[in-house]
Amino acid sequence: MTMSGTTAPHGAAEISEITDDTFAAEVLTAELPVLVEFTADWCPPCRQLAPVLAAIADEERGRLKVVQLDVDRNPRTMIAYGVRSAPTLIVFRDGEPVRSMVGARSKRRLLQELAPVLEA
């Protein structure tokens, strides 16, 4: 079960939940680009985004890692990257943030926004 209360479809990529303590190891040193969703249990748009992220994690497996970070339980990372609302999506490549997006969006729109990162 993901943090947003949904289960990944059978065979779909599971979206890992990371913390302030695991952020550096899971995101900053990752070989693949990493899409981090800054999320919260109380956030309806975050729940709306959950199936979109699960589908992208599955389809882009091997090219993109997708993780979630709960902003209420992990304020250090949220503050460090200037996250002010949920959901905020930040893509990291080689330990650096390269793309930031705020708010829920369709799978199609998110894939368009991720294309430059995935093709780089």
PDB file of N, CA and C in Angstrom:
ATOM      1  N   MET A   1       0.848  -1.180   0.000  1.00  0.00           N
ATOM      2  CA  MET A   1       0.000   0.000   0.000  1.00  0.00           C
ATOM      3  C   MET A   1       0.889   1.238   0.000  1.00  0.00           C
ATOM      4  N   THR A   2       0.561   2.193  -0.834  1.00  0.00           N
ATOM      5  CA  THR A   2       1.320   3.435  -0.871  1.00  0.00           C
ATOM      6  C   THR A   2       0.820   4.369   0.209  1.00  0.00           C
ATOM      7  N   MET A   3       1.557   5.447   0.428  1.00  0.00           N
ATOM      8  CA  MET A   3       1.198   6.396   1.473  1.00  0.00           C
ATOM      9  C   MET A   3      -0.171   7.022   1.207  1.00  0.00           C
ATOM     10  N   SER A   4      -0.529   7.139  -0.049  1.00  0.00           N
ATOM     11  CA  SER A   4      -1.787   7.797  -0.371  1.00  0.00           C
ATOM     12  C   SER A   4      -2.984   6.868  -0.173  1.00  0.00           C
ATOM     13  N   GLY A   5      -2.717   5.644   0.302  1.00  0.00           N
ATOM     14  CA  GLY A   5      -3.814   4.744   0.610  1.00  0.00           C
ATOM     15  C   GLY A   5      -4.253   3.890  -0.561  1.00  0.00           C
ATOM     16  N   THR A   6      -3.487   3.916  -1.653  1.00  0.00           N
ATOM     17  CA  THR A   6      -3.835   3.091  -2.796  1.00  0.00           C
ATOM     18  C   THR A   6      -2.817   1.976  -2.922  1.00  0.00           C
ATOM     19  N   THR A   7      -3.225   0.886  -3.513  1.00  0.00           N
ATOM     20  CA  THR A   7      -2.275  -0.182  -3.777  1.00  0.00           C
ATOM     21  C   THR A   7      -1.911  -0.127  -5.245  1.00  0.00           C
ATOM     22  N   ALA A   8      -0.692  -0.498  -5.534  1.00  0.00           N
ATOM     23  CA  ALA A   8      -0.253  -0.503  -6.925  1.00  0.00           C
ATOM     24  C   ALA A   8      -0.928  -1.670  -7.628  1.00  0.00           C
ATOM     25  N   PRO A   9      -1.329  -1.485  -8.892  1.00  0.00           N
ATOM     26  CA  PRO A   9      -1.910  -2.593  -9.642  1.00  0.00           C
ATOM     27  C   PRO A   9      -0.911  -3.746  -9.708  1.00  0.00           C
ATOM     28  N   HIS A  10      -1.416  -4.967  -9.846  1.00  0.00           N
ATOM     29  CA  HIS A  10      -0.544  -6.136  -9.895  1.00  0.00           C
ATOM     30  C   HIS A  10       0.505  -5.952 -10.986  1.00  0.00           C
ATOM     31  N   GLY A  11       1.772  -6.102 -10.615  1.00  0.00           N
ATOM     32  CA  GLY A  11       2.852  -5.963 -11.578  1.00  0.00           C
ATOM     33  C   GLY A  11       3.349  -4.538 -11.741  1.00  0.00           C
ATOM     34  N   ALA A  12       2.649  -3.577 -11.173  1.00  0.00           N
ATOM     35  CA  ALA A  12       3.062  -2.178 -11.308  1.00  0.00           C
ATOM     36  C   ALA A  12       4.199  -1.880 -10.343  1.00  0.00           C
ATOM     37  N   ALA A  13       4.977  -0.885 -10.705  1.00  0.00           N
ATOM     38  CA  ALA A  13       6.082  -0.472  -9.840  1.00  0.00           C
ATOM     39  C   ALA A  13       5.523   0.128  -8.558  1.00  0.00           C
ATOM     40  N   GLU A  14       6.121  -0.228  -7.454  1.00  0.00           N
ATOM     41  CA  GLU A  14       5.730   0.342  -6.164  1.00  0.00           C
ATOM     42  C   GLU A  14       6.486   1.647  -5.973  1.00  0.00           C
ATOM     43  N   ILE A  15       5.806   2.651  -5.478  1.00  0.00           N
ATOM     44  CA  ILE A  15       6.450   3.932  -5.211  1.00  0.00           C
ATOM     45  C   ILE A  15       6.937   3.902  -3.770  1.00  0.00           C
ATOM     46  N   SER A  16       8.253   3.996  -3.590  1.00  0.00           N
ATOM     47  CA  SER A  16       8.839   3.937  -2.252  1.00  0.00           C
ATOM     48  C   SER A  16       8.572   5.214  -1.493  1.00  0.00           C
ATOM     49  N   GLU A  17       8.392   5.065  -0.197  1.00  0.00           N
ATOM     50  CA  GLU A  17       8.288   6.230   0.677  1.00  0.00           C
ATOM     51  C   GLU A  17       9.662   6.462   1.288  1.00  0.00           C
ATOM     52  N   ILE A  18      10.177   7.679   1.131  1.00  0.00           N
ATOM     53  CA  ILE A  18      11.479   8.017   1.689  1.00  0.00           C
ATOM     54  C   ILE A  18      11.288   8.990   2.844  1.00  0.00           C
ATOM     55  N   THR A  19      12.367   9.217   3.594  1.00  0.00           N
ATOM     56  CA  THR A  19      12.321  10.095   4.765  1.00  0.00           C
ATOM     57  C   THR A  19      13.475  11.092   4.695  1.00  0.00           C
ATOM     58  N   ASP A  20      13.479  12.031   5.629  1.00  0.00           N
ATOM     59  CA  ASP A  20      14.619  12.946   5.738  1.00  0.00           C
ATOM     60  C   ASP A  20      15.922  12.153   5.847  1.00  0.00           C
ATOM     61  N   ASP A  21      15.892  11.065   6.602  1.00  0.00           N
ATOM     62  CA  ASP A  21      17.104  10.274   6.844  1.00  0.00           C
ATOM     63  C   ASP A  21      17.553   9.459   5.635  1.00  0.00           C
ATOM     64  N   THR A  22      16.623   9.062   4.765  1.00  0.00           N
ATOM     65  CA  THR A  22      16.997   8.235   3.606  1.00  0.00           C
ATOM     66  C   THR A  22      17.087   9.045   2.313  1.00  0.00           C
ATOM     67  N   PHE A  23      16.741  10.322   2.365  1.00  0.00           N
ATOM     68  CA  PHE A  23      16.693  11.157   1.162  1.00  0.00           C
ATOM     69  C   PHE A  23      18.014  11.144   0.383  1.00  0.00           C
ATOM     70  N   ALA A  24      19.124  11.393   1.050  1.00  0.00           N
ATOM     71  CA  ALA A  24      20.416  11.468   0.349  1.00  0.00           C
ATOM     72  C   ALA A  24      20.734  10.158  -0.366  1.00  0.00           C
ATOM     73  N   ALA A  25      20.574   9.038   0.323  1.00  0.00           N
ATOM     74  CA  ALA A  25      20.895   7.740  -0.272  1.00  0.00           C
ATOM     75  C   ALA A  25      19.945   7.374  -1.405  1.00  0.00           C
ATOM     76  N   GLU A  26      18.663   7.664  -1.237  1.00  0.00           N
ATOM     77  CA  GLU A  26      17.660   7.268  -2.228  1.00  0.00           C
ATOM     78  C   GLU A  26      17.585   8.211  -3.432  1.00  0.00           C
ATOM     79  N   VAL A  27      17.915   9.487  -3.216  1.00  0.00           N
ATOM     80  CA  VAL A  27      17.708  10.489  -4.265  1.00  0.00           C
ATOM     81  C   VAL A  27      19.020  11.077  -4.779  1.00  0.00           C
ATOM     82  N   LEU A  28      19.818  11.605  -3.880  1.00  0.00           N
ATOM     83  CA  LEU A  28      20.996  12.366  -4.303  1.00  0.00           C
ATOM     84  C   LEU A  28      22.094  11.504  -4.907  1.00  0.00           C
ATOM     85  N   THR A  29      22.170  10.240  -4.518  1.00  0.00           N
ATOM     86  CA  THR A  29      23.208   9.363  -5.063  1.00  0.00           C
ATOM     87  C   THR A  29      22.662   8.358  -6.077  1.00  0.00           C
ATOM     88  N   ALA A  30      21.409   8.499  -6.471  1.00  0.00           N
ATOM     89  CA  ALA A  30      20.796   7.563  -7.416  1.00  0.00           C
ATOM     90  C   ALA A  30      21.419   7.704  -8.803  1.00  0.00           C
ATOM     91  N   GLU A  31      21.539   6.586  -9.494  1.00  0.00           N
ATOM     92  CA  GLU A  31      22.074   6.607 -10.857  1.00  0.00           C
ATOM     93  C   GLU A  31      21.046   7.133 -11.851  1.00  0.00           C
ATOM     94  N   LEU A  32      19.790   6.838 -11.616  1.00  0.00           N
ATOM     95  CA  LEU A  32      18.713   7.305 -12.498  1.00  0.00           C
ATOM     96  C   LEU A  32      18.219   8.668 -12.037  1.00  0.00           C
ATOM     97  N   PRO A  33      17.552   9.417 -12.922  1.00  0.00           N
ATOM     98  CA  PRO A  33      16.824  10.595 -12.444  1.00  0.00           C
ATOM     99  C   PRO A  33      15.755  10.127 -11.451  1.00  0.00           C
ATOM    100  N   VAL A  34      15.461  10.961 -10.454  1.00  0.00           N
ATOM    101  CA  VAL A  34      14.480  10.601  -9.423  1.00  0.00           C
ATOM    102  C   VAL A  34      13.401  11.675  -9.367  1.00  0.00           C
ATOM    103  N   LEU A  35      12.145  11.246  -9.481  1.00  0.00           N
ATOM    104  CA  LEU A  35      10.993  12.131  -9.316  1.00  0.00           C
ATOM    105  C   LEU A  35      10.518  11.978  -7.877  1.00  0.00           C
ATOM    106  N   VAL A  36      10.615  13.061  -7.106  1.00  0.00           N
ATOM    107  CA  VAL A  36      10.181  13.046  -5.708  1.00  0.00           C
ATOM    108  C   VAL A  36       8.848  13.771  -5.611  1.00  0.00           C
ATOM    109  N   GLU A  37       7.836  13.071  -5.088  1.00  0.00           N
ATOM    110  CA  GLU A  37       6.561  13.722  -4.799  1.00  0.00           C
ATOM    111  C   GLU A  37       6.569  14.106  -3.326  1.00  0.00           C
ATOM    112  N   PHE A  38       6.493  15.402  -3.058  1.00  0.00           N
ATOM    113  CA  PHE A  38       6.329  15.905  -1.696  1.00  0.00           C
ATOM    114  C   PHE A  38       4.828  15.894  -1.451  1.00  0.00           C
ATOM    115  N   THR A  39       4.375  15.058  -0.531  1.00  0.00           N
ATOM    116  CA  THR A  39       2.964  14.751  -0.382  1.00  0.00           C
ATOM    117  C   THR A  39       2.536  14.817   1.080  1.00  0.00           C
ATOM    118  N   ALA A  40       1.230  14.646   1.316  1.00  0.00           N
ATOM    119  CA  ALA A  40       0.684  14.610   2.675  1.00  0.00           C
ATOM    120  C   ALA A  40      -0.592  13.780   2.669  1.00  0.00           C
ATOM    121  N   ASP A  41      -0.858  13.121   3.787  1.00  0.00           N
ATOM    122  CA  ASP A  41      -2.060  12.292   3.901  1.00  0.00           C
ATOM    123  C   ASP A  41      -3.344  13.100   3.733  1.00  0.00           C
ATOM    124  N   TRP A  42      -3.332  14.364   4.148  1.00  0.00           N
ATOM    125  CA  TRP A  42      -4.533  15.203   4.138  1.00  0.00           C
ATOM    126  C   TRP A  42      -4.769  15.884   2.785  1.00  0.00           C
ATOM    127  N   CYS A  43      -3.977  15.590   1.786  1.00  0.00           N
ATOM    128  CA  CYS A  43      -3.960  16.328   0.517  1.00  0.00           C
ATOM    129  C   CYS A  43      -4.753  15.615  -0.585  1.00  0.00           C
ATOM    130  N   PRO A  44      -5.978  16.084  -0.916  1.00  0.00           N
ATOM    131  CA  PRO A  44      -6.752  15.445  -1.989  1.00  0.00           C
ATOM    132  C   PRO A  44      -6.047  15.431  -3.353  1.00  0.00           C
ATOM    133  N   PRO A  45      -5.390  16.525  -3.785  1.00  0.00           N
ATOM    134  CA  PRO A  45      -4.697  16.448  -5.076  1.00  0.00           C
ATOM    135  C   PRO A  45      -3.563  15.408  -5.082  1.00  0.00           C
ATOM    136  N   CYS A  46      -2.981  15.156  -3.916  1.00  0.00           N
ATOM    137  CA  CYS A  46      -1.938  14.123  -3.824  1.00  0.00           C
ATOM    138  C   CYS A  46      -2.542  12.748  -4.098  1.00  0.00           C
ATOM    139  N   ARG A  47      -3.722  12.500  -3.549  1.00  0.00           N
ATOM    140  CA  ARG A  47      -4.412  11.226  -3.794  1.00  0.00           C
ATOM    141  C   ARG A  47      -4.789  11.096  -5.262  1.00  0.00           C
ATOM    142  N   GLN A  48      -5.169  12.212  -5.873  1.00  0.00           N
ATOM    143  CA  GLN A  48      -5.506  12.244  -7.297  1.00  0.00           C
ATOM    144  C   GLN A  48      -4.292  11.871  -8.147  1.00  0.00           C
ATOM    145  N   LEU A  49      -3.131  12.283  -7.719  1.00  0.00           N
ATOM    146  CA  LEU A  49      -1.894  12.075  -8.462  1.00  0.00           C
ATOM    147  C   LEU A  49      -1.342  10.658  -8.304  1.00  0.00           C
ATOM    148  N   ALA A  50      -1.736   9.948  -7.256  1.00  0.00           N
ATOM    149  CA  ALA A  50      -1.174   8.624  -6.950  1.00  0.00           C
ATOM    150  C   ALA A  50      -1.228   7.646  -8.123  1.00  0.00           C
ATOM    151  N   PRO A  51      -2.379   7.453  -8.796  1.00  0.00           N
ATOM    152  CA  PRO A  51      -2.386   6.496  -9.905  1.00  0.00           C
ATOM    153  C   PRO A  51      -1.546   6.958 -11.095  1.00  0.00           C
ATOM    154  N   VAL A  52      -1.434   8.263 -11.285  1.00  0.00           N
ATOM    155  CA  VAL A  52      -0.604   8.814 -12.365  1.00  0.00           C
ATOM    156  C   VAL A  52       0.857   8.465 -12.101  1.00  0.00           C
ATOM    157  N   LEU A  53       1.306   8.691 -10.864  1.00  0.00           N
ATOM    158  CA  LEU A  53       2.694   8.398 -10.519  1.00  0.00           C
ATOM    159  C   LEU A  53       2.983   6.901 -10.575  1.00  0.00           C
ATOM    160  N   ALA A  54       2.038   6.082 -10.139  1.00  0.00           N
ATOM    161  CA  ALA A  54       2.227   4.629 -10.196  1.00  0.00           C
ATOM    162  C   ALA A  54       2.381   4.169 -11.644  1.00  0.00           C
ATOM    163  N   ALA A  55       1.569   4.716 -12.540  1.00  0.00           N
ATOM    164  CA  ALA A  55       1.652   4.349 -13.957  1.00  0.00           C
ATOM    165  C   ALA A  55       2.984   4.786 -14.559  1.00  0.00           C
ATOM    166  N   ILE A  56       3.417   5.993 -14.236  1.00  0.00           N
ATOM    167  CA  ILE A  56       4.691   6.492 -14.764  1.00  0.00           C
ATOM    168  C   ILE A  56       5.857   5.688 -14.192  1.00  0.00           C
ATOM    169  N   ALA A  57       5.808   5.365 -12.908  1.00  0.00           N
ATOM    170  CA  ALA A  57       6.869   4.555 -12.296  1.00  0.00           C
ATOM    171  C   ALA A  57       6.988   3.214 -13.007  1.00  0.00           C
ATOM    172  N   ASP A  58       5.853   2.637 -13.375  1.00  0.00           N
ATOM    173  CA  ASP A  58       5.841   1.353 -14.063  1.00  0.00           C
ATOM    174  C   ASP A  58       6.361   1.494 -15.494  1.00  0.00           C
ATOM    175  N   GLU A  59       5.843   2.466 -16.221  1.00  0.00           N
ATOM    176  CA  GLU A  59       6.202   2.640 -17.633  1.00  0.00           C
ATOM    177  C   GLU A  59       7.643   3.102 -17.825  1.00  0.00           C
ATOM    178  N   GLU A  60       8.148   3.881 -16.897  1.00  0.00           N
ATOM    179  CA  GLU A  60       9.501   4.443 -17.045  1.00  0.00           C
ATOM    180  C   GLU A  60      10.533   3.715 -16.183  1.00  0.00           C
ATOM    181  N   ARG A  61      10.172   2.541 -15.691  1.00  0.00           N
ATOM    182  CA  ARG A  61      11.097   1.730 -14.884  1.00  0.00           C
ATOM    183  C   ARG A  61      12.391   1.537 -15.678  1.00  0.00           C
ATOM    184  N   GLY A  62      13.517   1.761 -15.016  1.00  0.00           N
ATOM    185  CA  GLY A  62      14.797   1.654 -15.705  1.00  0.00           C
ATOM    186  C   GLY A  62      15.291   2.984 -16.252  1.00  0.00           C
ATOM    187  N   ARG A  63      14.380   3.971 -16.349  1.00  0.00           N
ATOM    188  CA  ARG A  63      14.771   5.311 -16.814  1.00  0.00           C
ATOM    189  C   ARG A  63      14.503   6.384 -15.772  1.00  0.00           C
ATOM    190  N   LEU A  64      13.579   6.110 -14.838  1.00  0.00           N
ATOM    191  CA  LEU A  64      13.173   7.089 -13.834  1.00  0.00           C
ATOM    192  C   LEU A  64      12.759   6.355 -12.566  1.00  0.00           C
ATOM    193  N   LYS A  65      13.229   6.841 -11.440  1.00  0.00           N
ATOM    194  CA  LYS A  65      12.818   6.315 -10.135  1.00  0.00           C
ATOM    195  C   LYS A  65      11.800   7.300  -9.568  1.00  0.00           C
ATOM    196  N   VAL A  66      10.701   6.792  -9.012  1.00  0.00           N
ATOM    197  CA  VAL A  66       9.658   7.645  -8.438  1.00  0.00           C
ATOM    198  C   VAL A  66       9.527   7.315  -6.954  1.00  0.00           C
ATOM    199  N   VAL A  67       9.587   8.354  -6.107  1.00  0.00           N
ATOM    200  CA  VAL A  67       9.479   8.175  -4.656  1.00  0.00           C
ATOM    201  C   VAL A  67       8.554   9.242  -4.070  1.00  0.00           C
ATOM    202  N   GLN A  68       8.085   8.992  -2.845  1.00  0.00           N
ATOM    203  CA  GLN A  68       7.233   9.946  -2.120  1.00  0.00           C
ATOM    204  C   GLN A  68       7.902  10.335  -0.813  1.00  0.00           C
ATOM    205  N   LEU A  69       7.693  11.584  -0.409  1.00  0.00           N
ATOM    206  CA  LEU A  69       8.181  12.061   0.881  1.00  0.00           C
ATOM    207  C   LEU A  69       7.039  12.810   1.557  1.00  0.00           C
ATOM    208  N   ASP A  70       6.633  12.349   2.739  1.00  0.00           N
ATOM    209  CA  ASP A  70       5.548  12.987   3.485  1.00  0.00           C
ATOM    210  C   ASP A  70       6.078  14.260   4.143  1.00  0.00           C
ATOM    211  N   VAL A  71       5.507  15.401   3.776  1.00  0.00           N
ATOM    212  CA  VAL A  71       6.012  16.691   4.262  1.00  0.00           C
ATOM    213  C   VAL A  71       5.760  16.896   5.756  1.00  0.00           C
ATOM    214  N   ASP A  72       4.717  16.295   6.288  1.00  0.00           N
ATOM    215  CA  ASP A  72       4.420  16.453   7.715  1.00  0.00           C
ATOM    216  C   ASP A  72       5.419  15.699   8.585  1.00  0.00           C
ATOM    217  N   ARG A  73       5.852  14.545   8.115  1.00  0.00           N
ATOM    218  CA  ARG A  73       6.784  13.722   8.893  1.00  0.00           C
ATOM    219  C   ARG A  73       8.254  14.005   8.568  1.00  0.00           C
ATOM    220  N   ASN A  74       8.501  14.768   7.499  1.00  0.00           N
ATOM    221  CA  ASN A  74       9.876  15.001   7.043  1.00  0.00           C
ATOM    222  C   ASN A  74      10.098  16.465   6.671  1.00  0.00           C
ATOM    223  N   PRO A  75      10.013  17.352   7.649  1.00  0.00           N
ATOM    224  CA  PRO A  75      10.099  18.781   7.342  1.00  0.00           C
ATOM    225  C   PRO A  75      11.477  19.251   6.881  1.00  0.00           C
ATOM    226  N   ARG A  76      12.548  18.557   7.282  1.00  0.00           N
ATOM    227  CA  ARG A  76      13.899  19.004   6.913  1.00  0.00           C
ATOM    228  C   ARG A  76      14.086  19.091   5.400  1.00  0.00           C
ATOM    229  N   THR A  77      13.712  18.037   4.707  1.00  0.00           N
ATOM    230  CA  THR A  77      13.894  18.005   3.254  1.00  0.00           C
ATOM    231  C   THR A  77      12.962  19.000   2.584  1.00  0.00           C
ATOM    232  N   MET A  78      11.739  19.094   3.069  1.00  0.00           N
ATOM    233  CA  MET A  78      10.775  20.047   2.522  1.00  0.00           C
ATOM    234  C   MET A  78      11.336  21.470   2.603  1.00  0.00           C
ATOM    235  N   ILE A  79      11.855  21.842   3.754  1.00  0.00           N
ATOM    236  CA  ILE A  79      12.402  23.186   3.955  1.00  0.00           C
ATOM    237  C   ILE A  79      13.648  23.394   3.095  1.00  0.00           C
ATOM    238  N   ALA A  80      14.509  22.379   3.028  1.00  0.00           N
ATOM    239  CA  ALA A  80      15.760  22.491   2.269  1.00  0.00           C
ATOM    240  C   ALA A  80      15.514  22.803   0.794  1.00  0.00           C
ATOM    241  N   TYR A  81      14.411  22.300   0.241  1.00  0.00           N
ATOM    242  CA  TYR A  81      14.123  22.512  -1.179  1.00  0.00           C
ATOM    243  C   TYR A  81      13.009  23.534  -1.414  1.00  0.00           C
ATOM    244  N   GLY A  82      12.631  24.262  -0.383  1.00  0.00           N
ATOM    245  CA  GLY A  82      11.673  25.353  -0.531  1.00  0.00           C
ATOM    246  C   GLY A  82      10.273  24.918  -0.917  1.00  0.00           C
ATOM    247  N   VAL A  83       9.890  23.706  -0.524  1.00  0.00           N
ATOM    248  CA  VAL A  83       8.557  23.200  -0.853  1.00  0.00           C
ATOM    249  C   VAL A  83       7.540  23.884   0.048  1.00  0.00           C
ATOM    250  N   ARG A  84       6.530  24.503  -0.564  1.00  0.00           N
ATOM    251  CA  ARG A  84       5.523  25.247   0.191  1.00  0.00           C
ATOM    252  C   ARG A  84       4.114  24.676   0.054  1.00  0.00           C
ATOM    253  N   SER A  85       3.915  23.766  -0.885  1.00  0.00           N
ATOM    254  CA  SER A  85       2.582  23.182  -1.042  1.00  0.00           C
ATOM    255  C   SER A  85       2.694  21.741  -1.519  1.00  0.00           C
ATOM    256  N   ALA A  86       1.609  21.013  -1.312  1.00  0.00           N
ATOM    257  CA  ALA A  86       1.558  19.614  -1.727  1.00  0.00           C
ATOM    258  C   ALA A  86       0.398  19.447  -2.706  1.00  0.00           C
ATOM    259  N   PRO A  87       0.601  18.683  -3.755  1.00  0.00           N
ATOM    260  CA  PRO A  87       1.839  18.000  -4.096  1.00  0.00           C
ATOM    261  C   PRO A  87       2.819  18.923  -4.835  1.00  0.00           C
ATOM    262  N   THR A  88       4.073  18.773  -4.513  1.00  0.00           N
ATOM    263  CA  THR A  88       5.151  19.374  -5.296  1.00  0.00           C
ATOM    264  C   THR A  88       5.979  18.216  -5.826  1.00  0.00           C
ATOM    265  N   LEU A  89       6.320  18.280  -7.089  1.00  0.00           N
ATOM    266  CA  LEU A  89       7.144  17.256  -7.724  1.00  0.00           C
ATOM    267  C   LEU A  89       8.478  17.894  -8.091  1.00  0.00           C
ATOM    268  N   ILE A  90       9.566  17.282  -7.665  1.00  0.00           N
ATOM    269  CA  ILE A  90      10.897  17.761  -8.038  1.00  0.00           C
ATOM    270  C   ILE A  90      11.666  16.589  -8.629  1.00  0.00           C
ATOM    271  N   VAL A  91      12.259  16.828  -9.798  1.00  0.00           N
ATOM    272  CA  VAL A  91      13.094  15.814 -10.440  1.00  0.00           C
ATOM    273  C   VAL A  91      14.552  16.127 -10.124  1.00  0.00           C
ATOM    274  N   PHE A  92      15.258  15.112  -9.643  1.00  0.00           N
ATOM    275  CA  PHE A  92      16.681  15.232  -9.335  1.00  0.00           C
ATOM    276  C   PHE A  92      17.474  14.395 -10.332  1.00  0.00           C
ATOM    277  N   ARG A  93      18.564  14.955 -10.822  1.00  0.00           N
ATOM    278  CA  ARG A  93      19.490  14.225 -11.689  1.00  0.00           C
ATOM    279  C   ARG A  93      20.895  14.505 -11.162  1.00  0.00           C
ATOM    280  N   ASP A  94      21.668  13.459 -10.952  1.00  0.00           N
ATOM    281  CA  ASP A  94      23.035  13.599 -10.435  1.00  0.00           C
ATOM    282  C   ASP A  94      23.070  14.437  -9.156  1.00  0.00           C
ATOM    283  N   GLY A  95      22.070  14.251  -8.297  1.00  0.00           N
ATOM    284  CA  GLY A  95      22.046  14.918  -7.002  1.00  0.00           C
ATOM    285  C   GLY A  95      21.548  16.346  -7.003  1.00  0.00           C
ATOM    286  N   GLU A  96      21.147  16.849  -8.164  1.00  0.00           N
ATOM    287  CA  GLU A  96      20.692  18.240  -8.266  1.00  0.00           C
ATOM    288  C   GLU A  96      19.242  18.307  -8.726  1.00  0.00           C
ATOM    289  N   PRO A  97      18.454  19.242  -8.172  1.00  0.00           N
ATOM    290  CA  PRO A  97      17.088  19.423  -8.681  1.00  0.00           C
ATOM    291  C   PRO A  97      17.152  20.061 -10.069  1.00  0.00           C
ATOM    292  N   VAL A  98      16.476  19.436 -11.038  1.00  0.00           N
ATOM    293  CA  VAL A  98      16.520  19.947 -12.412  1.00  0.00           C
ATOM    294  C   VAL A  98      15.155  20.389 -12.930  1.00  0.00           C
ATOM    295  N   ARG A  99      14.096  20.018 -12.217  1.00  0.00           N
ATOM    296  CA  ARG A  99      12.740  20.379 -12.658  1.00  0.00           C
ATOM    297  C   ARG A  99      11.830  20.368 -11.444  1.00  0.00           C
ATOM    298  N   SER A 100      10.968  21.372 -11.330  1.00  0.00           N
ATOM    299  CA  SER A 100      10.028  21.445 -10.215  1.00  0.00           C
ATOM    300  C   SER A 100       8.642  21.769 -10.750  1.00  0.00           C
ATOM    301  N   MET A 101       7.633  21.076 -10.235  1.00  0.00           N
ATOM    302  CA  MET A 101       6.250  21.268 -10.661  1.00  0.00           C
ATOM    303  C   MET A 101       5.361  21.239  -9.423  1.00  0.00           C
ATOM    304  N   VAL A 102       4.352  22.077  -9.386  1.00  0.00           N
ATOM    305  CA  VAL A 102       3.446  22.137  -8.237  1.00  0.00           C
ATOM    306  C   VAL A 102       2.039  21.796  -8.697  1.00  0.00           C
ATOM    307  N   GLY A 103       1.370  20.919  -7.952  1.00  0.00           N
ATOM    308  CA  GLY A 103      -0.023  20.584  -8.229  1.00  0.00           C
ATOM    309  C   GLY A 103      -0.189  19.274  -8.971  1.00  0.00           C
ATOM    310  N   ALA A 104      -1.405  18.734  -8.872  1.00  0.00           N
ATOM    311  CA  ALA A 104      -1.737  17.502  -9.582  1.00  0.00           C
ATOM    312  C   ALA A 104      -1.812  17.797 -11.069  1.00  0.00           C
ATOM    313  N   ARG A 105      -1.526  16.787 -11.871  1.00  0.00           N
ATOM    314  CA  ARG A 105      -1.593  16.939 -13.318  1.00  0.00           C
ATOM    315  C   ARG A 105      -1.898  15.590 -13.944  1.00  0.00           C
ATOM    316  N   SER A 106      -2.297  15.629 -15.192  1.00  0.00           N
ATOM    317  CA  SER A 106      -2.606  14.390 -15.898  1.00  0.00           C
ATOM    318  C   SER A 106      -1.314  13.655 -16.239  1.00  0.00           C
ATOM    319  N   LYS A 107      -1.451  12.382 -16.510  1.00  0.00           N
ATOM    320  CA  LYS A 107      -0.291  11.579 -16.905  1.00  0.00           C
ATOM    321  C   LYS A 107       0.338  12.158 -18.170  1.00  0.00           C
ATOM    322  N   ARG A 108      -0.482  12.502 -19.122  1.00  0.00           N
ATOM    323  CA  ARG A 108       0.011  13.044 -20.391  1.00  0.00           C
ATOM    324  C   ARG A 108       0.835  14.313 -20.161  1.00  0.00           C
ATOM    325  N   ARG A 109       0.295  15.225 -19.368  1.00  0.00           N
ATOM    326  CA  ARG A 109       1.007  16.479 -19.096  1.00  0.00           C
ATOM    327  C   ARG A 109       2.311  16.219 -18.345  1.00  0.00           C
ATOM    328  N   LEU A 110       2.269  15.332 -17.354  1.00  0.00           N
ATOM    329  CA  LEU A 110       3.473  15.045 -16.582  1.00  0.00           C
ATOM    330  C   LEU A 110       4.544  14.409 -17.469  1.00  0.00           C
ATOM    331  N   LEU A 111       4.157  13.493 -18.340  1.00  0.00           N
ATOM    332  CA  LEU A 111       5.130  12.885 -19.254  1.00  0.00           C
ATOM    333  C   LEU A 111       5.746  13.931 -20.179  1.00  0.00           C
ATOM    334  N   GLN A 112       4.938  14.896 -20.635  1.00  0.00           N
ATOM    335  CA  GLN A 112       5.471  15.980 -21.470  1.00  0.00           C
ATOM    336  C   GLN A 112       6.492  16.797 -20.683  1.00  0.00           C
ATOM    337  N   GLU A 113       6.183  17.073 -19.420  1.00  0.00           N
ATOM    338  CA  GLU A 113       7.088  17.863 -18.582  1.00  0.00           C
ATOM    339  C   GLU A 113       8.362  17.087 -18.229  1.00  0.00           C
ATOM    340  N   LEU A 114       8.262  15.770 -18.171  1.00  0.00           N
ATOM    341  CA  LEU A 114       9.418  14.941 -17.838  1.00  0.00           C
ATOM    342  C   LEU A 114      10.283  14.613 -19.053  1.00  0.00           C
ATOM    343  N   ALA A 115       9.747  14.773 -20.252  1.00  0.00           N
ATOM    344  CA  ALA A 115      10.459  14.378 -21.475  1.00  0.00           C
ATOM    345  C   ALA A 115      11.886  14.924 -21.558  1.00  0.00           C
ATOM    346  N   PRO A 116      12.119  16.222 -21.309  1.00  0.00           N
ATOM    347  CA  PRO A 116      13.498  16.718 -21.409  1.00  0.00           C
ATOM    348  C   PRO A 116      14.455  16.035 -20.424  1.00  0.00           C
ATOM    349  N   VAL A 117      13.957  15.669 -19.265  1.00  0.00           N
ATOM    350  CA  VAL A 117      14.791  15.005 -18.258  1.00  0.00           C
ATOM    351  C   VAL A 117      15.081  13.567 -18.681  1.00  0.00           C
ATOM    352  N   LEU A 118      14.068  12.888 -19.200  1.00  0.00           N
ATOM    353  CA  LEU A 118      14.227  11.490 -19.586  1.00  0.00           C
ATOM    354  C   LEU A 118      15.078  11.342 -20.840  1.00  0.00           C
ATOM    355  N   GLU A 119      15.067  12.345 -21.696  1.00  0.00           N
ATOM    356  CA  GLU A 119      15.816  12.278 -22.954  1.00  0.00           C
ATOM    357  C   GLU A 119      17.238  12.786 -22.808  1.00  0.00           C
ATOM    358  N   ALA A 120      17.550  13.427 -21.700  1.00  0.00           N
ATOM    359  CA  ALA A 120      18.898  14.015 -21.518  1.00  0.00           C
ATOM    360  C   ALA A 120      19.952  12.940 -21.335  1.00  0.00           C
TER     361      ALA A 120
END
